[in-house]
Protein backbone atom coordinates (compact mmCIF):
# COMPACT_ATOMS: atom_id res chain seq x y z
CA MET A 1 -36.86 -69.16 -47.68
CA ASP A 2 -38.04 -65.60 -48.30
CA GLU A 3 -39.54 -65.51 -44.83
CA ASN A 4 -36.27 -66.74 -43.29
CA SER A 5 -34.28 -64.20 -45.27
CA ASP A 6 -36.48 -61.43 -43.95
CA VAL A 7 -35.95 -62.59 -40.38
CA ILE A 8 -32.20 -62.84 -40.87
CA ALA A 9 -32.10 -59.37 -42.39
CA GLN A 10 -34.06 -58.00 -39.46
CA ILE A 11 -31.66 -59.61 -36.96
CA LEU A 12 -28.64 -58.21 -38.78
CA LYS A 13 -30.23 -54.78 -38.83
CA GLU A 14 -30.83 -54.94 -35.07
CA GLN A 15 -27.23 -56.01 -34.52
CA GLU A 16 -25.92 -53.09 -36.56
CA GLU A 17 -28.19 -50.68 -34.67
CA GLU A 18 -26.98 -51.99 -31.32
CA GLU A 19 -23.35 -51.80 -32.44
CA ARG A 20 -23.88 -48.21 -33.55
CA GLN A 21 -25.37 -47.33 -30.15
CA ILE A 22 -22.42 -48.92 -28.34
CA LYS A 23 -19.96 -46.91 -30.42
CA GLN A 24 -21.87 -43.70 -29.74
CA SER A 25 -21.80 -44.48 -26.02
CA SER A 26 -18.04 -45.04 -26.22
CA ASN A 27 -17.53 -41.73 -28.04
CA ARG A 28 -19.54 -39.87 -25.45
CA ASN A 29 -17.40 -41.38 -22.72
CA ASP A 30 -14.26 -40.12 -24.47
CA ASN A 31 -15.60 -36.59 -24.87
CA LYS A 32 -17.22 -36.14 -21.47
CA GLU A 33 -14.83 -38.25 -19.40
CA ASN A 34 -17.68 -40.39 -18.05
CA SER A 35 -19.47 -37.28 -16.74
CA GLY A 36 -22.57 -37.43 -19.03
CA TRP A 37 -25.43 -39.81 -19.79
CA GLN A 38 -24.63 -43.17 -21.34
CA THR A 39 -26.62 -45.52 -23.51
CA VAL A 40 -26.90 -48.83 -21.66
CA SER A 41 -27.37 -52.10 -23.51
CA TYR A 42 -28.09 -55.55 -22.16
CA PRO A 43 -26.27 -58.13 -24.31
CA LYS A 44 -27.54 -61.13 -22.33
CA ARG A 45 -31.19 -60.13 -22.71
CA HIS A 46 -30.68 -59.55 -26.43
CA LYS A 47 -28.92 -62.90 -26.75
CA LYS A 48 -31.91 -64.67 -25.17
CA GLN A 49 -34.26 -62.90 -27.56
CA LEU A 50 -32.05 -63.88 -30.49
CA LYS A 51 -31.96 -67.52 -29.39
CA SER A 52 -35.75 -67.59 -29.04
CA GLN A 53 -36.17 -66.16 -32.52
CA GLN A 54 -33.72 -68.69 -33.93
CA GLN A 55 -35.61 -71.59 -32.35
CA GLU A 56 -38.88 -70.28 -33.71
CA ILE A 57 -37.45 -69.97 -37.19
CA SER A 58 -35.88 -73.43 -36.92
CA SER A 59 -39.14 -75.06 -35.93
CA SER A 60 -41.18 -73.36 -38.60
CA ALA A 61 -38.72 -73.42 -41.44
CA SER A 62 -38.91 -76.44 -43.80
CA SER A 63 -38.12 -77.29 -47.38
CA PRO A 64 -40.82 -77.53 -50.04
CA ASN A 65 -40.78 -81.31 -49.71
CA GLY A 66 -41.20 -81.12 -45.91
CA ALA A 67 -37.50 -81.67 -45.06
CA ALA A 68 -36.21 -79.44 -42.33
CA PHE A 69 -33.13 -77.16 -42.60
CA ASN A 70 -30.09 -77.74 -40.44
CA GLY A 71 -31.85 -76.26 -37.34
CA PRO A 72 -30.16 -73.66 -35.18
CA HIS A 73 -26.80 -74.17 -36.90
CA ILE A 74 -28.02 -72.04 -39.74
CA PHE A 75 -27.42 -68.91 -37.54
CA GLN A 76 -24.10 -70.00 -36.06
CA SER A 77 -22.06 -67.62 -38.21
CA ILE A 78 -24.38 -64.75 -37.33
CA GLU A 79 -24.04 -65.47 -33.60
CA LEU A 80 -20.28 -65.64 -33.80
CA GLN A 81 -20.17 -62.36 -35.68
CA TYR A 82 -22.49 -60.76 -33.15
CA GLU A 83 -20.47 -61.98 -30.16
CA ASP A 84 -17.27 -60.76 -31.76
CA ARG A 85 -18.78 -57.31 -32.25
CA ILE A 86 -20.04 -57.24 -28.66
CA ARG A 87 -16.59 -58.22 -27.37
CA ARG A 88 -14.84 -55.49 -29.39
CA ALA A 89 -17.39 -52.89 -28.27
CA ARG A 90 -16.84 -53.82 -24.63
CA GLU A 91 -13.08 -53.57 -25.02
CA ALA A 92 -13.42 -50.12 -26.62
CA GLN A 93 -15.73 -49.00 -23.81
CA ALA A 94 -13.32 -50.27 -21.13
CA ALA A 95 -10.38 -48.53 -22.83
CA ALA A 96 -12.34 -45.25 -22.93
CA ALA A 97 -13.20 -45.55 -19.24
CA SER A 98 -9.54 -46.21 -18.39
CA ALA A 99 -8.37 -43.16 -20.36
CA ALA A 100 -11.00 -40.99 -18.66
CA ALA A 101 -9.85 -42.20 -15.24
CA VAL A 102 -6.24 -41.31 -16.09
CA THR A 103 -7.24 -37.81 -17.19
CA ASP A 104 -9.39 -37.27 -14.10
CA LEU A 105 -6.66 -38.40 -11.70
CA ALA A 106 -4.05 -36.25 -13.42
CA GLY A 107 -6.38 -33.23 -13.16
CA ARG A 108 -6.89 -33.83 -9.45
CA SER A 109 -3.15 -34.09 -8.95
CA ARG A 110 -2.59 -30.78 -10.71
CA SER A 111 -5.29 -29.00 -8.68
CA LYS A 112 -3.64 -30.03 -5.41
CA ARG A 113 -0.29 -28.49 -6.26
CA HIS A 114 0.32 -24.97 -4.92
CA SER A 115 2.75 -22.40 -6.24
CA ASP A 116 5.18 -20.87 -3.75
CA ASP A 117 6.88 -17.50 -3.77
CA ASP A 118 8.24 -16.53 -7.18
CA ASP A 119 11.83 -16.92 -5.95
CA ASP A 120 11.28 -20.20 -4.11
CA GLU A 121 8.69 -21.87 -6.34
CA ASP A 122 11.33 -23.84 -8.22
CA ASP A 123 12.68 -25.31 -4.99
CA ASN A 124 9.28 -26.68 -4.03
CA ASP A 125 8.23 -28.12 -7.39
CA SER A 126 7.42 -31.83 -7.12
CA ASP A 127 6.96 -34.48 -9.77
CA ALA A 128 3.30 -34.77 -10.66
CA THR A 129 2.49 -38.42 -11.18
CA ALA A 130 -0.73 -40.26 -11.82
CA ALA A 131 -1.11 -44.00 -12.15
CA VAL A 132 -4.12 -46.06 -13.07
CA GLU A 133 -4.07 -49.85 -13.17
CA ASN A 134 -5.76 -51.44 -16.17
CA GLY A 135 -5.09 -55.10 -16.58
CA GLY A 136 -1.86 -54.81 -14.59
CA GLY A 137 -0.50 -51.83 -16.58
CA GLN A 138 0.32 -48.35 -15.21
CA VAL A 139 0.16 -44.92 -16.85
CA LYS A 140 2.47 -42.19 -15.42
CA LYS A 141 2.82 -38.50 -16.18
CA VAL A 142 5.96 -36.74 -15.01
CA LYS A 143 6.26 -32.92 -15.00
CA PRO A 144 9.77 -31.79 -15.87
CA LYS A 145 11.44 -29.41 -13.41
CA LYS A 146 11.77 -25.78 -14.42
CA PRO A 147 15.23 -24.26 -14.41
CA LYS A 148 15.90 -22.41 -11.15
CA LYS A 149 15.88 -18.62 -11.48
CA PRO A 150 18.94 -16.83 -10.13
CA LYS A 151 18.32 -14.51 -7.18
CA VAL A 152 19.38 -10.94 -7.94
CA THR A 153 19.92 -8.40 -5.17
CA VAL A 154 19.22 -4.68 -5.40
CA ALA A 155 22.94 -3.93 -5.33
CA GLU A 156 23.65 -6.36 -8.18
CA ALA A 157 20.88 -4.93 -10.35
CA ALA A 158 21.98 -1.36 -9.60
CA ALA A 159 25.57 -2.16 -10.56
CA LYS A 160 24.41 -3.13 -14.06
CA ILE A 161 22.88 0.30 -14.77
CA ASP A 162 25.09 2.17 -17.21
CA ALA A 163 25.16 5.96 -16.85
CA ALA A 164 25.86 6.48 -20.56
CA ASP A 165 22.93 4.30 -21.55
CA LEU A 166 20.69 6.17 -19.10
CA SER A 167 21.79 9.54 -20.48
CA ALA A 168 21.07 8.41 -24.03
CA PHE A 169 17.67 7.13 -22.96
CA LEU A 170 16.80 10.42 -21.22
CA ALA A 171 17.92 12.42 -24.24
CA ASP A 172 15.75 10.27 -26.49
CA ILE A 173 12.56 10.58 -24.42
CA THR A 174 13.14 14.32 -24.02
CA VAL A 175 12.98 14.68 -27.79
CA SER A 176 10.22 12.13 -28.33
CA TYR A 177 7.92 13.64 -25.69
CA GLU A 178 9.13 17.21 -25.81
CA SER A 179 5.89 18.82 -24.62
CA GLN A 180 4.75 15.96 -22.36
CA GLN A 181 6.86 16.04 -19.24
CA ASP A 182 4.49 13.77 -17.36
CA ILE A 183 5.13 11.02 -19.91
CA GLN A 184 8.86 11.72 -19.74
CA LEU A 185 8.80 11.13 -15.99
CA MET A 186 6.78 7.94 -16.44
CA ARG A 187 9.38 6.66 -18.87
CA PHE A 188 12.09 7.70 -16.41
CA ALA A 189 10.48 5.54 -13.73
CA ASP A 190 9.96 2.73 -16.24
CA TYR A 191 13.67 2.69 -17.03
CA PHE A 192 14.53 1.94 -13.41
CA GLY A 193 11.59 -0.43 -13.16
CA ARG A 194 13.07 -2.54 -15.95
CA ALA A 195 16.55 -2.21 -14.48
CA PHE A 196 15.34 -3.76 -11.21
CA ALA A 197 12.79 -6.16 -12.71
CA SER A 198 14.99 -9.15 -11.88
CA VAL A 199 14.94 -8.27 -8.16
CA GLY A 200 12.38 -10.45 -6.44
CA ALA A 201 10.15 -9.48 -3.56
CA ALA A 202 12.26 -11.61 -1.23
CA GLN A 203 15.33 -9.50 -2.06
CA PHE A 204 13.46 -6.23 -1.45
CA PRO A 205 10.75 -6.80 1.19
CA TRP A 206 10.10 -3.08 1.49
CA LEU A 207 7.17 -3.43 3.89
CA LYS A 208 9.31 -5.29 6.39
CA ILE A 209 12.24 -2.92 5.86
CA PHE A 210 10.10 0.16 6.42
CA LYS A 211 8.58 -1.24 9.60
CA GLU A 212 11.78 -2.49 11.18
CA SER A 213 14.44 -0.01 10.05
CA PRO A 214 15.29 3.18 11.97
CA VAL A 215 14.94 6.45 10.09
CA ALA A 216 18.72 6.85 9.95
CA LYS A 217 18.90 3.68 7.85
CA LEU A 218 15.56 4.07 6.10
CA VAL A 219 16.55 7.35 4.49
CA ASP A 220 19.19 5.63 2.33
CA ILE A 221 16.97 2.78 1.10
CA PRO A 222 17.27 1.94 -1.77
CA ILE A 223 19.06 4.98 -3.17
CA CYS A 224 22.34 3.97 -1.52
CA HIS A 225 22.86 1.32 -4.21
CA ILE A 226 22.79 3.83 -7.09
CA SER A 227 26.19 4.85 -8.41
CA GLN A 228 27.22 8.49 -8.34
CA ASP A 229 27.32 8.71 -12.15
CA VAL A 230 23.81 7.33 -12.53
CA TYR A 231 22.53 9.58 -9.76
CA LYS A 232 24.09 12.70 -11.28
CA ALA A 233 22.76 11.93 -14.76
CA SER A 234 19.29 11.48 -13.28
CA VAL A 235 19.11 14.56 -11.06
CA ASP A 236 20.60 16.81 -13.74
CA TRP A 237 17.82 15.73 -16.06
CA LEU A 238 15.16 16.07 -13.32
CA ASN A 239 16.33 19.59 -12.59
CA GLN A 240 15.00 20.63 -15.99
CA ARG A 241 11.47 19.33 -15.37
CA SER A 242 8.70 21.67 -14.21
CA LEU A 243 7.56 21.71 -10.59
CA GLU A 244 4.00 20.91 -11.65
CA ALA A 245 5.06 17.78 -13.55
CA LEU A 246 7.28 16.67 -10.68
CA GLY A 247 4.44 17.16 -8.20
CA SER A 248 2.16 14.98 -10.31
CA PHE A 249 4.88 12.36 -10.49
CA VAL A 250 5.23 12.38 -6.70
CA LEU A 251 1.51 11.67 -6.29
CA TRP A 252 1.56 8.98 -8.98
CA SER A 253 4.52 7.27 -7.33
CA MET A 254 2.91 7.40 -3.90
CA ASP A 255 -0.33 6.04 -5.35
CA THR A 256 1.62 3.14 -6.79
CA ILE A 257 3.35 2.43 -3.48
CA VAL A 258 0.11 2.69 -1.50
CA ALA A 259 -1.61 0.36 -3.98
CA ASP A 260 1.14 -2.20 -3.44
CA LEU A 261 0.78 -1.74 0.31
CA THR A 262 -2.97 -2.37 0.26
CA SER A 263 -2.50 -5.43 -1.95
CA HIS A 264 -0.08 -6.88 0.61
CA LEU A 265 -2.34 -6.04 3.53
CA GLY A 266 -5.38 -7.37 1.69
CA THR A 267 -7.40 -4.19 2.24
CA ALA A 268 -8.89 -2.52 -0.78
CA SER A 269 -8.89 1.24 -0.73
CA LYS A 270 -12.45 2.49 -0.48
CA VAL A 271 -11.62 6.10 0.15
CA SER A 272 -10.39 7.03 -3.28
CA LYS A 273 -12.30 6.87 -6.51
CA LYS A 274 -9.09 7.03 -8.49
CA VAL A 275 -8.09 3.61 -9.76
CA VAL A 276 -4.39 2.92 -9.71
CA GLN A 277 -2.99 -0.05 -11.55
CA PRO A 278 -0.95 -2.04 -9.03
CA VAL A 279 2.68 -2.52 -9.96
CA SER A 280 4.44 -5.82 -9.41
CA SER A 281 6.57 -5.97 -6.28
CA LYS A 282 9.54 -6.71 -8.50
CA SER A 283 9.39 -3.22 -9.98
CA GLN A 284 8.81 -1.40 -6.67
CA VAL A 285 12.55 -0.88 -6.34
CA GLY A 286 12.52 1.27 -9.46
CA ILE A 287 9.61 3.37 -8.16
CA PHE A 288 11.37 4.04 -4.85
CA VAL A 289 14.63 4.94 -6.61
CA ALA A 290 12.96 7.33 -9.06
CA LEU A 291 10.85 8.99 -6.35
CA ALA A 292 13.84 9.42 -4.04
CA MET A 293 15.79 11.18 -6.79
CA VAL A 294 12.90 13.56 -7.50
CA LEU A 295 12.42 14.45 -3.83
CA ARG A 296 16.12 14.97 -3.19
CA ARG A 297 16.64 17.14 -6.24
CA LYS A 298 13.36 19.05 -6.09
CA PRO A 299 12.02 18.96 -2.50
CA ASP A 300 9.49 21.65 -3.38
CA ALA A 301 7.67 19.03 -5.45
CA LEU A 302 6.53 17.50 -2.17
CA VAL A 303 5.43 20.87 -0.79
CA SER A 304 3.33 21.46 -3.91
CA VAL A 305 1.14 18.43 -3.12
CA ILE A 306 0.83 18.87 0.64
CA SER A 307 -2.87 19.69 0.43
CA GLN A 308 -3.60 16.36 -1.28
CA LEU A 309 -1.51 14.49 1.28
CA LYS A 310 -3.36 16.17 4.16
CA GLU A 311 -6.90 15.94 2.81
CA ASN A 312 -6.99 12.66 0.91
CA PRO A 313 -7.63 9.72 3.28
CA ARG A 314 -5.74 7.53 0.83
CA TYR A 315 -2.45 8.77 2.27
CA GLN A 316 -3.52 8.73 5.91
CA GLY A 317 -3.54 6.02 8.55
CA GLN A 318 -1.03 4.28 10.74
CA ASP A 319 -0.18 1.78 8.00
CA LYS A 320 0.86 4.65 5.67
CA LEU A 321 3.03 6.38 8.29
CA PRO A 322 6.33 4.65 7.33
CA ILE A 323 5.78 5.72 3.72
CA THR A 324 5.14 9.34 4.75
CA VAL A 325 8.22 9.34 6.98
CA TRP A 326 10.34 7.94 4.15
CA VAL A 327 9.05 10.53 1.68
CA ILE A 328 9.72 13.46 4.05
CA SER A 329 13.15 12.10 4.91
CA GLN A 330 14.05 12.08 1.21
CA ALA A 331 12.94 15.70 0.82
CA SER A 332 14.90 16.70 3.93
CA GLN A 333 18.04 15.32 2.29
CA GLY A 334 17.63 18.01 -0.33
CA ASP A 335 16.39 20.79 1.97
CA LEU A 336 16.16 20.63 5.77
CA SER A 337 13.61 23.43 5.77
CA VAL A 338 11.24 21.44 3.58
CA GLY A 339 11.68 18.44 5.85
CA LEU A 340 10.71 20.41 8.96
CA TYR A 341 7.92 22.17 7.07
CA MET A 342 6.33 18.85 6.12
CA TRP A 343 6.98 17.27 9.52
CA ALA A 344 5.20 20.07 11.37
CA ARG A 345 2.12 19.82 9.14
CA LEU A 346 1.78 16.12 8.40
CA LEU A 347 3.36 14.25 11.31
CA LEU A 348 3.35 16.43 14.42
CA PRO A 349 -0.48 16.63 14.53
CA LEU A 350 -0.57 12.83 14.73
CA VAL A 351 1.19 12.65 18.11
CA ASN A 352 -1.70 14.49 19.70
CA GLY A 353 -4.24 11.95 18.45
CA LYS A 354 -5.65 9.10 20.49
CA SER A 355 -4.74 6.55 17.83
CA CYS A 356 -1.02 7.36 17.95
CA ASN A 357 0.81 4.37 19.42
CA PRO A 358 4.35 4.34 20.86
CA GLN A 359 5.83 2.94 17.64
CA SER A 360 4.32 5.73 15.54
CA ARG A 361 5.38 8.36 18.06
CA ASP A 362 8.91 6.98 18.00
CA LEU A 363 9.03 7.09 14.20
CA ILE A 364 7.84 10.70 14.14
CA LEU A 365 10.41 11.72 16.74
CA GLN A 366 13.20 9.91 14.93
CA LEU A 367 12.59 12.00 11.84
CA VAL A 368 12.67 15.39 13.57
CA GLU A 369 15.68 14.32 15.64
CA ARG A 370 17.50 13.46 12.44
CA ILE A 371 16.58 16.81 10.88
CA LEU A 372 17.78 18.78 13.91
CA SER A 373 20.98 16.73 14.23
CA SER A 374 22.07 17.48 10.68
CA PRO A 375 25.18 19.66 10.29
CA LYS A 376 24.36 23.36 10.75
CA ALA A 377 20.68 22.51 11.15
CA ARG A 378 19.93 25.31 13.64
CA PRO A 379 21.24 28.25 11.56
CA ILE A 380 19.71 26.80 8.40
CA LEU A 381 16.29 26.45 9.99
CA LEU A 382 16.39 29.83 11.74
CA ASN A 383 17.36 31.60 8.52
CA GLY A 384 14.60 29.79 6.67
CA ALA A 385 12.00 30.00 9.43
CA VAL A 386 9.68 31.78 7.01
CA ARG A 387 9.54 30.03 3.67
CA LYS A 388 7.72 31.75 0.84
CA GLY A 389 5.47 33.54 3.31
CA GLU A 390 4.79 30.43 5.41
CA ARG A 391 6.42 29.53 8.70
CA LEU A 392 8.20 26.22 9.06
CA VAL A 393 6.49 25.75 12.43
CA PRO A 394 3.10 27.50 12.28
CA PRO A 395 1.29 28.61 15.47
CA SER A 396 -1.11 25.65 15.34
CA ALA A 397 1.80 23.19 15.24
CA PHE A 398 3.63 25.07 17.98
CA GLU A 399 0.63 24.72 20.29
CA ILE A 400 0.65 20.94 19.79
CA LEU A 401 4.39 20.86 20.41
CA MET A 402 4.05 22.89 23.61
CA ARG A 403 1.33 20.65 25.02
CA VAL A 404 3.10 17.34 24.28
CA THR A 405 6.33 18.72 25.75
CA PHE A 406 4.71 19.98 28.98
CA PRO A 407 1.93 17.51 29.84
CA ALA A 408 0.44 16.90 33.26
CA PRO A 409 2.71 14.78 35.49
CA SER A 410 0.30 11.85 35.23
CA ALA A 411 0.31 12.07 31.43
CA ARG A 412 4.05 11.94 30.89
CA LEU A 413 5.29 9.30 28.44
CA LYS A 414 8.63 7.81 27.51
CA ALA A 415 8.63 10.15 24.53
CA THR A 416 8.16 13.27 26.69
CA GLU A 417 11.87 13.60 27.42
CA ARG A 418 12.64 13.39 23.72
CA PHE A 419 10.16 16.18 23.01
CA GLU A 420 11.78 18.23 25.76
CA ALA A 421 15.12 17.78 23.99
CA VAL A 422 13.94 19.06 20.61
CA TYR A 423 11.58 21.74 21.97
CA PRO A 424 14.10 24.59 22.48
CA THR A 425 15.26 24.58 18.86
CA LEU A 426 11.75 24.18 17.49
CA ARG A 427 10.57 27.01 19.75
CA GLU A 428 13.26 29.27 18.34
CA VAL A 429 12.17 28.43 14.81
CA ALA A 430 8.50 28.99 15.68
CA LEU A 431 9.20 32.45 17.15
CA ALA A 432 11.90 33.47 14.68
CA GLY A 433 11.45 36.47 12.43
CA THR A 434 12.07 40.16 12.10
CA SER A 435 10.84 41.86 15.25
CA GLY A 436 8.06 44.33 14.55
CA SER A 437 7.38 42.95 11.07
CA LYS A 438 3.82 42.55 9.89
CA ALA A 439 4.18 38.78 9.58
CA LEU A 440 5.51 38.40 13.11
CA LYS A 441 2.76 40.61 14.52
CA GLN A 442 0.17 38.27 13.02
CA VAL A 443 1.95 35.30 14.55
CA ALA A 444 1.92 37.02 17.95
CA VAL A 445 -1.84 37.54 17.81
CA GLN A 446 -2.43 33.90 16.85
CA MET A 447 -0.19 32.55 19.58
CA SER A 448 -1.58 34.80 22.30
CA ASN A 449 -5.02 33.21 21.93
CA PHE A 450 -3.91 29.69 22.87
CA ALA A 451 -1.10 30.80 25.20
CA ILE A 452 -3.43 32.59 27.64
CA LYS A 453 -5.71 29.56 27.77
CA ALA A 454 -2.82 27.16 28.42
CA ALA A 455 -1.49 29.47 31.15
CA GLY A 456 -4.68 28.98 33.14
CA GLU A 457 -4.94 25.18 32.98
CA GLY A 458 -3.18 24.62 36.28
CA ILE A 459 -0.32 22.48 34.93
CA SER A 460 2.77 24.06 36.44
CA ASP A 461 5.28 23.54 33.61
CA LEU A 462 2.72 24.30 30.93
CA CYS A 463 1.56 27.46 32.73
CA ASN A 464 5.09 28.80 32.98
CA GLU A 465 5.88 28.10 29.33
CA ALA A 466 2.55 29.45 28.08
CA SER A 467 2.89 32.67 30.10
CA SER A 468 6.41 33.11 28.71
CA VAL A 469 5.07 32.76 25.17
CA PHE A 470 2.25 35.19 25.93
CA ILE A 471 4.68 37.81 27.22
CA TRP A 472 6.70 37.35 24.00
CA CYS A 473 3.51 38.09 22.07
CA LEU A 474 3.06 41.32 24.05
CA THR A 475 6.54 42.47 23.09
CA GLN A 476 5.95 41.79 19.40
CA ASN A 477 2.55 43.39 18.95
CA SER A 478 0.88 46.01 21.13
CA GLU A 479 -2.47 44.79 19.84
CA CYS A 480 -2.00 41.76 22.06
CA TYR A 481 -2.55 44.06 25.08
CA LYS A 482 -5.97 44.97 23.73
CA LEU A 483 -6.70 41.29 23.17
CA TRP A 484 -5.61 40.57 26.73
CA ASP A 485 -7.94 43.25 28.01
CA LYS A 486 -10.85 41.52 26.25
CA LEU A 487 -9.92 38.08 27.57
CA TYR A 488 -9.04 39.21 31.08
CA MET A 489 -12.31 38.51 32.89
CA ASP A 490 -12.64 35.06 31.33
CA ASN A 491 -9.04 34.13 32.13
CA LEU A 492 -8.36 35.53 35.60
CA GLU A 493 -6.14 32.66 36.73
CA ALA A 494 -4.06 32.84 33.58
CA SER A 495 -3.77 36.62 33.91
CA VAL A 496 -2.47 36.25 37.47
CA VAL A 497 0.23 33.82 36.29
CA ILE A 498 1.24 36.12 33.43
CA LEU A 499 1.32 39.24 35.61
CA LYS A 500 3.40 37.47 38.22
CA GLN A 501 5.98 36.33 35.68
CA LEU A 502 5.98 39.73 33.99
CA SER A 503 6.66 41.37 37.34
CA GLU A 504 9.48 38.98 38.24
CA GLU A 505 11.18 39.36 34.86
CA TRP A 506 10.31 42.97 34.22
CA LYS A 507 13.90 44.09 33.78
CA VAL A 508 14.33 41.58 30.98
CA HIS A 509 11.01 42.23 29.25
CA SER A 510 10.90 46.00 29.63
CA VAL A 511 13.80 46.54 27.25
CA LYS A 512 11.94 44.58 24.57
CA HIS A 513 9.02 47.01 24.54
CA TYR A 514 9.15 49.92 22.16
CA THR A 515 7.02 51.86 24.61
CA LEU A 516 5.58 51.13 28.03
CA ASP A 517 2.33 52.99 27.43
CA PRO A 518 0.36 49.86 26.44
CA VAL A 519 1.53 48.19 29.65
CA ARG A 520 0.36 51.10 31.85
CA GLU A 521 -2.99 51.40 30.09
CA THR A 522 -3.65 47.67 30.32
CA LEU A 523 -2.80 47.48 34.01
CA LYS A 524 -5.02 50.49 34.70
CA ALA A 525 -7.91 48.83 32.86
CA PHE A 526 -7.39 45.63 34.84
CA ARG A 527 -7.60 47.53 38.16
CA GLN A 528 -10.82 49.19 37.12
CA LYS A 529 -12.40 45.92 36.00
CA TYR A 530 -11.36 44.12 39.13
CA ALA A 531 -12.60 46.92 41.39
CA ARG A 532 -15.92 46.98 39.56
CA LYS A 533 -16.30 43.26 39.98
CA GLU A 534 -15.56 43.45 43.70
CA ARG A 535 -18.06 46.29 44.21
CA GLU A 536 -20.71 44.22 42.48
CA LYS A 537 -20.03 41.47 45.00
CA GLY A 538 -20.36 43.97 47.86
CA LYS A 539 -16.73 43.86 48.80
CA GLY A 540 -14.15 46.56 49.00
CA PRO A 541 -11.33 46.88 46.51
CA ASN A 542 -8.57 44.36 46.89
CA HIS A 543 -5.09 45.62 46.11
CA LEU A 544 -4.13 42.81 43.76
CA TYR A 545 -1.84 44.95 41.64
């Protein structure tokens, strides 16, 4: 009996060990969703081993008087208990596998769903369902629909801005950041950013607007939606900020806009080491509104950062052109002179480049046409032709303008006629100034250098215009005669064109000279040089003059 008890105890111990292993396997299935290793048991093999052991015990077990026990029936209760445990373990394992399958299928369903645009995502939400059959049953998971967000336009958001609340806000930040105007301006932009935060990208697709809108319409976007009271409260406050702080704000705002542009185009900026935190498209309306107010109230803020705009590649490129045009158009609303000043330095040089396409050329022309068509534009620009010691149209820009207006016949473009239309006024501005002044004399020397070269290029219209400009230089500065004397031998063809025009229009030009002595001396020097050259060739003097 002791021997049988030991065998029975051993069998029970093995059953408990196997049951423990089955439970551990089931737990691992729950935790790892059937993705890890599993402990595998073989109930049939174990049952055979158990039956063999039972038969062995039955055959060897006997009572002290030689009578046998009840045979295999002595282990019937143990077998039933074992089979019941095996059945429950299998059911637990199957339930764990079913739950893991449900979780896996639901995860796959979620991974296949894509989010749409932030304004349209609610329209495209679908019910996420997952079903797994287990004994005829189904398990479903349904995702509830999110409430649809209302679409707010720029005009609707602007109408909610209260001028009194804005004034109180500006007064508060002025006191709180009294000596930190840069932070004040950041908070100013943040106010409008929050005011337009409900405007989605679909309601203000600024990239599309800037590409497709003419300058006449672009100049009022999005400032046209701001009420007069809000605008006045803003610009009155901005008028008290320093030019340095406003210039920094202009660059910060443009950095923000350019960062949003590059994020839309999918091109990371590699040309600037400065890291700018991209702003959500929803708040871009506020940035444009704040920047427009600064540029309109203090156009000089844009002039103060022109060197950065010209030298930093971050602000250059055809994709940035609409932004530059918009910025200059805002400044021109406050001061036409600033608009032309920036146009001549930032945009006009682009039309002479090989990469300038018809669309870019059209955009550049639209801006200058708008500036010149403004009421009283001509007298305003002529009176302000020299701005703080700098000319609105410098000699370098005037040379570009002259060449694109008078190209070779084979190089004429659709835009050439438009340049011809704006050229007379721009020429007046480029040559404007007090006759005989030191500043104008310097301009005359600079222009005479490129004018004499252009006069000898053999392009009829360009030669005539360049010789006319060169003669103007002679009337403004007698030093130009000395310069002409030095350049004469290297520019014989140009000199012939200039002398011919000077002779034909002598009555007009003679009255513009303070004295005719420089003219006589220069012509005498030309005769001597020409005669010397002819003698060196072995020819007699030719009466050219």
